[in-house]
PDB file of N, CA and C in Angstrom:
ATOM      1  N   MET A   1       7.170  34.080 -10.338  1.00  0.00           N
ATOM      2  CA  MET A   1       8.109  34.538 -11.331  1.00  0.00           C
ATOM      3  C   MET A   1       8.923  33.340 -11.803  1.00  0.00           C
ATOM      4  N   TYR A   2       9.064  33.214 -13.112  1.00  0.00           N
ATOM      5  CA  TYR A   2       9.830  32.123 -13.700  1.00  0.00           C
ATOM      6  C   TYR A   2      10.818  32.704 -14.708  1.00  0.00           C
ATOM      7  N   VAL A   3      12.030  32.187 -14.706  1.00  0.00           N
ATOM      8  CA  VAL A   3      13.060  32.597 -15.650  1.00  0.00           C
ATOM      9  C   VAL A   3      13.337  31.391 -16.537  1.00  0.00           C
ATOM     10  N   VAL A   4      13.037  31.532 -17.832  1.00  0.00           N
ATOM     11  CA  VAL A   4      13.094  30.384 -18.733  1.00  0.00           C
ATOM     12  C   VAL A   4      13.767  30.727 -20.064  1.00  0.00           C
ATOM     13  N   CYS A   5      14.218  29.685 -20.744  1.00  0.00           N
ATOM     14  CA  CYS A   5      14.768  29.841 -22.089  1.00  0.00           C
ATOM     15  C   CYS A   5      13.599  29.855 -23.089  1.00  0.00           C
ATOM     16  N   LYS A   6      13.922  30.104 -24.341  1.00  0.00           N
ATOM     17  CA  LYS A   6      12.882  30.163 -25.381  1.00  0.00           C
ATOM     18  C   LYS A   6      12.142  28.831 -25.505  1.00  0.00           C
ATOM     19  N   GLU A   7      12.880  27.733 -25.384  1.00  0.00           N
ATOM     20  CA  GLU A   7      12.280  26.398 -25.521  1.00  0.00           C
ATOM     21  C   GLU A   7      11.257  26.116 -24.422  1.00  0.00           C
ATOM     22  N   HIS A   8      11.458  26.644 -23.224  1.00  0.00           N
ATOM     23  CA  HIS A   8      10.579  26.351 -22.092  1.00  0.00           C
ATOM     24  C   HIS A   8       9.626  27.494 -21.745  1.00  0.00           C
ATOM     25  N   LEU A   9       9.482  28.456 -22.648  1.00  0.00           N
ATOM     26  CA  LEU A   9       8.593  29.588 -22.385  1.00  0.00           C
ATOM     27  C   LEU A   9       7.152  29.131 -22.159  1.00  0.00           C
ATOM     28  N   GLU A  10       6.665  28.237 -22.981  1.00  0.00           N
ATOM     29  CA  GLU A  10       5.282  27.764 -22.843  1.00  0.00           C
ATOM     30  C   GLU A  10       5.058  27.085 -21.487  1.00  0.00           C
ATOM     31  N   ILE A  11       6.033  26.324 -21.026  1.00  0.00           N
ATOM     32  CA  ILE A  11       5.921  25.670 -19.714  1.00  0.00           C
ATOM     33  C   ILE A  11       5.866  26.726 -18.612  1.00  0.00           C
ATOM     34  N   GLY A  12       6.710  27.764 -18.708  1.00  0.00           N
ATOM     35  CA  GLY A  12       6.700  28.838 -17.721  1.00  0.00           C
ATOM     36  C   GLY A  12       5.362  29.560 -17.682  1.00  0.00           C
ATOM     37  N   ILE A  13       4.784  29.810 -18.853  1.00  0.00           N
ATOM     38  CA  ILE A  13       3.472  30.459 -18.917  1.00  0.00           C
ATOM     39  C   ILE A  13       2.411  29.565 -18.273  1.00  0.00           C
ATOM     40  N   ASP A  14       2.429  28.278 -18.609  1.00  0.00           N
ATOM     41  CA  ASP A  14       1.454  27.336 -18.034  1.00  0.00           C
ATOM     42  C   ASP A  14       1.581  27.274 -16.513  1.00  0.00           C
ATOM     43  N   GLN A  15       2.798  27.246 -16.001  1.00  0.00           N
ATOM     44  CA  GLN A  15       3.007  27.207 -14.549  1.00  0.00           C
ATOM     45  C   GLN A  15       2.438  28.465 -13.890  1.00  0.00           C
ATOM     46  N   PHE A  16       2.692  29.613 -14.502  1.00  0.00           N
ATOM     47  CA  PHE A  16       2.201  30.869 -13.946  1.00  0.00           C
ATOM     48  C   PHE A  16       0.673  30.876 -13.903  1.00  0.00           C
ATOM     49  N   VAL A  17       0.041  30.485 -15.019  1.00  0.00           N
ATOM     50  CA  VAL A  17      -1.416  30.470 -15.086  1.00  0.00           C
ATOM     51  C   VAL A  17      -1.995  29.484 -14.073  1.00  0.00           C
ATOM     52  N   ASP A  18      -1.380  28.324 -13.933  1.00  0.00           N
ATOM     53  CA  ASP A  18      -1.856  27.343 -12.955  1.00  0.00           C
ATOM     54  C   ASP A  18      -1.772  27.885 -11.529  1.00  0.00           C
ATOM     55  N   GLU A  19      -0.711  28.612 -11.238  1.00  0.00           N
ATOM     56  CA  GLU A  19      -0.506  29.112  -9.875  1.00  0.00           C
ATOM     57  C   GLU A  19      -1.333  30.357  -9.564  1.00  0.00           C
ATOM     58  N   TYR A  20      -1.383  31.312 -10.497  1.00  0.00           N
ATOM     59  CA  TYR A  20      -2.015  32.603 -10.224  1.00  0.00           C
ATOM     60  C   TYR A  20      -3.367  32.798 -10.908  1.00  0.00           C
ATOM     61  N   GLU A  21      -3.731  31.902 -11.814  1.00  0.00           N
ATOM     62  CA  GLU A  21      -5.007  31.946 -12.527  1.00  0.00           C
ATOM     63  C   GLU A  21      -5.222  33.258 -13.284  1.00  0.00           C
ATOM     64  N   GLU A  22      -4.147  33.781 -13.844  1.00  0.00           N
ATOM     65  CA  GLU A  22      -4.230  34.952 -14.721  1.00  0.00           C
ATOM     66  C   GLU A  22      -3.059  34.920 -15.689  1.00  0.00           C
ATOM     67  N   ALA A  23      -3.172  35.694 -16.747  1.00  0.00           N
ATOM     68  CA  ALA A  23      -2.122  35.717 -17.770  1.00  0.00           C
ATOM     69  C   ALA A  23      -0.901  36.485 -17.258  1.00  0.00           C
ATOM     70  N   PRO A  24       0.290  35.978 -17.530  1.00  0.00           N
ATOM     71  CA  PRO A  24       1.501  36.660 -17.070  1.00  0.00           C
ATOM     72  C   PRO A  24       1.966  37.738 -18.040  1.00  0.00           C
ATOM     73  N   ASP A  25       2.875  38.559 -17.561  1.00  0.00           N
ATOM     74  CA  ASP A  25       3.628  39.457 -18.425  1.00  0.00           C
ATOM     75  C   ASP A  25       4.898  38.719 -18.806  1.00  0.00           C
ATOM     76  N   ILE A  26       5.330  38.869 -20.047  1.00  0.00           N
ATOM     77  CA  ILE A  26       6.544  38.220 -20.538  1.00  0.00           C
ATOM     78  C   ILE A  26       7.563  39.321 -20.822  1.00  0.00           C
ATOM     79  N   ILE A  27       8.711  39.240 -20.166  1.00  0.00           N
ATOM     80  CA  ILE A  27       9.763  40.237 -20.341  1.00  0.00           C
ATOM     81  C   ILE A  27      10.958  39.572 -21.012  1.00  0.00           C
ATOM     82  N   ASP A  28      11.386  40.143 -22.128  1.00  0.00           N
ATOM     83  CA  ASP A  28      12.548  39.633 -22.855  1.00  0.00           C
ATOM     84  C   ASP A  28      13.800  40.124 -22.127  1.00  0.00           C
ATOM     85  N   LEU A  29      14.581  39.215 -21.600  1.00  0.00           N
ATOM     86  CA  LEU A  29      15.760  39.577 -20.824  1.00  0.00           C
ATOM     87  C   LEU A  29      16.870  40.177 -21.676  1.00  0.00           C
ATOM     88  N   GLU A  30      16.789  40.036 -22.993  1.00  0.00           N
ATOM     89  CA  GLU A  30      17.780  40.672 -23.867  1.00  0.00           C
ATOM     90  C   GLU A  30      17.490  42.161 -24.038  1.00  0.00           C
ATOM     91  N   GLU A  31      16.265  42.567 -23.771  1.00  0.00           N
ATOM     92  CA  GLU A  31      15.869  43.966 -23.940  1.00  0.00           C
ATOM     93  C   GLU A  31      15.719  44.708 -22.625  1.00  0.00           C
ATOM     94  N   ALA A  32      15.541  43.991 -21.521  1.00  0.00           N
ATOM     95  CA  ALA A  32      15.308  44.630 -20.223  1.00  0.00           C
ATOM     96  C   ALA A  32      16.528  44.452 -19.323  1.00  0.00           C
ATOM     97  N   HIS A  33      16.790  45.464 -18.535  1.00  0.00           N
ATOM     98  CA  HIS A  33      17.880  45.402 -17.561  1.00  0.00           C
ATOM     99  C   HIS A  33      17.356  45.937 -16.233  1.00  0.00           C
ATOM    100  N   PHE A  34      17.741  45.303 -15.152  1.00  0.00           N
ATOM    101  CA  PHE A  34      17.256  45.676 -13.840  1.00  0.00           C
ATOM    102  C   PHE A  34      18.420  46.140 -12.972  1.00  0.00           C
ATOM    103  N   ALA A  35      18.244  47.232 -12.274  1.00  0.00           N
ATOM    104  CA  ALA A  35      19.317  47.824 -11.479  1.00  0.00           C
ATOM    105  C   ALA A  35      19.693  46.956 -10.276  1.00  0.00           C
ATOM    106  N   LYS A  36      18.719  46.327  -9.651  1.00  0.00           N
ATOM    107  CA  LYS A  36      18.996  45.602  -8.405  1.00  0.00           C
ATOM    108  C   LYS A  36      18.692  44.113  -8.480  1.00  0.00           C
ATOM    109  N   TRP A  37      18.669  43.550  -9.700  1.00  0.00           N
ATOM    110  CA  TRP A  37      18.392  42.119  -9.842  1.00  0.00           C
ATOM    111  C   TRP A  37      19.149  41.576 -11.036  1.00  0.00           C
ATOM    112  N   ASP A  38      19.851  40.498 -10.805  1.00  0.00           N
ATOM    113  CA  ASP A  38      20.531  39.793 -11.888  1.00  0.00           C
ATOM    114  C   ASP A  38      19.802  38.480 -12.123  1.00  0.00           C
ATOM    115  N   PRO A  39      19.424  38.189 -13.357  1.00  0.00           N
ATOM    116  CA  PRO A  39      18.724  36.922 -13.618  1.00  0.00           C
ATOM    117  C   PRO A  39      19.650  35.737 -13.381  1.00  0.00           C
ATOM    118  N   PRO A  40      19.082  34.577 -13.065  1.00  0.00           N
ATOM    119  CA  PRO A  40      19.893  33.368 -12.921  1.00  0.00           C
ATOM    120  C   PRO A  40      20.656  33.081 -14.214  1.00  0.00           C
ATOM    121  N   ARG A  41      21.691  32.303 -14.123  1.00  0.00           N
ATOM    122  CA  ARG A  41      22.518  31.995 -15.296  1.00  0.00           C
ATOM    123  C   ARG A  41      21.914  30.902 -16.172  1.00  0.00           C
ATOM    124  N   THR A  42      20.951  30.147 -15.634  1.00  0.00           N
ATOM    125  CA  THR A  42      20.339  29.072 -16.407  1.00  0.00           C
ATOM    126  C   THR A  42      18.819  29.107 -16.284  1.00  0.00           C
ATOM    127  N   CYS A  43      18.185  28.511 -17.268  1.00  0.00           N
ATOM    128  CA  CYS A  43      16.738  28.319 -17.291  1.00  0.00           C
ATOM    129  C   CYS A  43      16.331  27.451 -16.100  1.00  0.00           C
ATOM    130  N   GLU A  44      15.112  27.636 -15.614  1.00  0.00           N
ATOM    131  CA  GLU A  44      14.623  26.826 -14.498  1.00  0.00           C
ATOM    132  C   GLU A  44      14.385  25.369 -14.884  1.00  0.00           C
ATOM    133  N   HIS A  45      14.353  25.066 -16.180  1.00  0.00           N
ATOM    134  CA  HIS A  45      14.036  23.716 -16.637  1.00  0.00           C
ATOM    135  C   HIS A  45      15.187  23.006 -17.341  1.00  0.00           C
ATOM    136  N   CYS A  46      16.268  23.735 -17.638  1.00  0.00           N
ATOM    137  CA  CYS A  46      17.416  23.126 -18.307  1.00  0.00           C
ATOM    138  C   CYS A  46      18.657  23.989 -18.042  1.00  0.00           C
ATOM    139  N   ASP A  47      19.749  23.664 -18.679  1.00  0.00           N
ATOM    140  CA  ASP A  47      20.993  24.403 -18.479  1.00  0.00           C
ATOM    141  C   ASP A  47      21.209  25.504 -19.503  1.00  0.00           C
ATOM    142  N   ALA A  48      20.207  25.802 -20.314  1.00  0.00           N
ATOM    143  CA  ALA A  48      20.325  26.848 -21.332  1.00  0.00           C
ATOM    144  C   ALA A  48      20.279  28.226 -20.695  1.00  0.00           C
ATOM    145  N   GLU A  49      20.797  29.210 -21.431  1.00  0.00           N
ATOM    146  CA  GLU A  49      20.754  30.593 -20.955  1.00  0.00           C
ATOM    147  C   GLU A  49      19.299  31.072 -20.935  1.00  0.00           C
ATOM    148  N   PRO A  50      18.862  31.710 -19.853  1.00  0.00           N
ATOM    149  CA  PRO A  50      17.476  32.187 -19.805  1.00  0.00           C
ATOM    150  C   PRO A  50      17.252  33.347 -20.758  1.00  0.00           C
ATOM    151  N   ARG A  51      16.054  33.433 -21.293  1.00  0.00           N
ATOM    152  CA  ARG A  51      15.740  34.481 -22.269  1.00  0.00           C
ATOM    153  C   ARG A  51      14.533  35.308 -21.828  1.00  0.00           C
ATOM    154  N   PHE A  52      13.612  34.688 -21.058  1.00  0.00           N
ATOM    155  CA  PHE A  52      12.382  35.376 -20.689  1.00  0.00           C
ATOM    156  C   PHE A  52      12.122  35.317 -19.189  1.00  0.00           C
ATOM    157  N   LEU A  53      11.523  36.384 -18.712  1.00  0.00           N
ATOM    158  CA  LEU A  53      11.047  36.462 -17.337  1.00  0.00           C
ATOM    159  C   LEU A  53       9.527  36.431 -17.420  1.00  0.00           C
ATOM    160  N   VAL A  54       8.911  35.467 -16.757  1.00  0.00           N
ATOM    161  CA  VAL A  54       7.458  35.307 -16.762  1.00  0.00           C
ATOM    162  C   VAL A  54       6.959  35.786 -15.399  1.00  0.00           C
ATOM    163  N   VAL A  55       6.254  36.926 -15.384  1.00  0.00           N
ATOM    164  CA  VAL A  55       5.768  37.511 -14.118  1.00  0.00           C
ATOM    165  C   VAL A  55       4.313  37.892 -14.206  1.00  0.00           C
TER     166      VAL A  55
END
């Protein structure tokens, strides 16, 4: 699972495919809310606000 900003979405997808050898699901964090999980405050690759969850 990777939490990334819009700029680093492609990198997150590439990392997922390299690790799991299958296409990920992309969840827009502006549209989805989780009862028992809060996303990190920053992208895994920079200090920007995360926008997508790559799972």
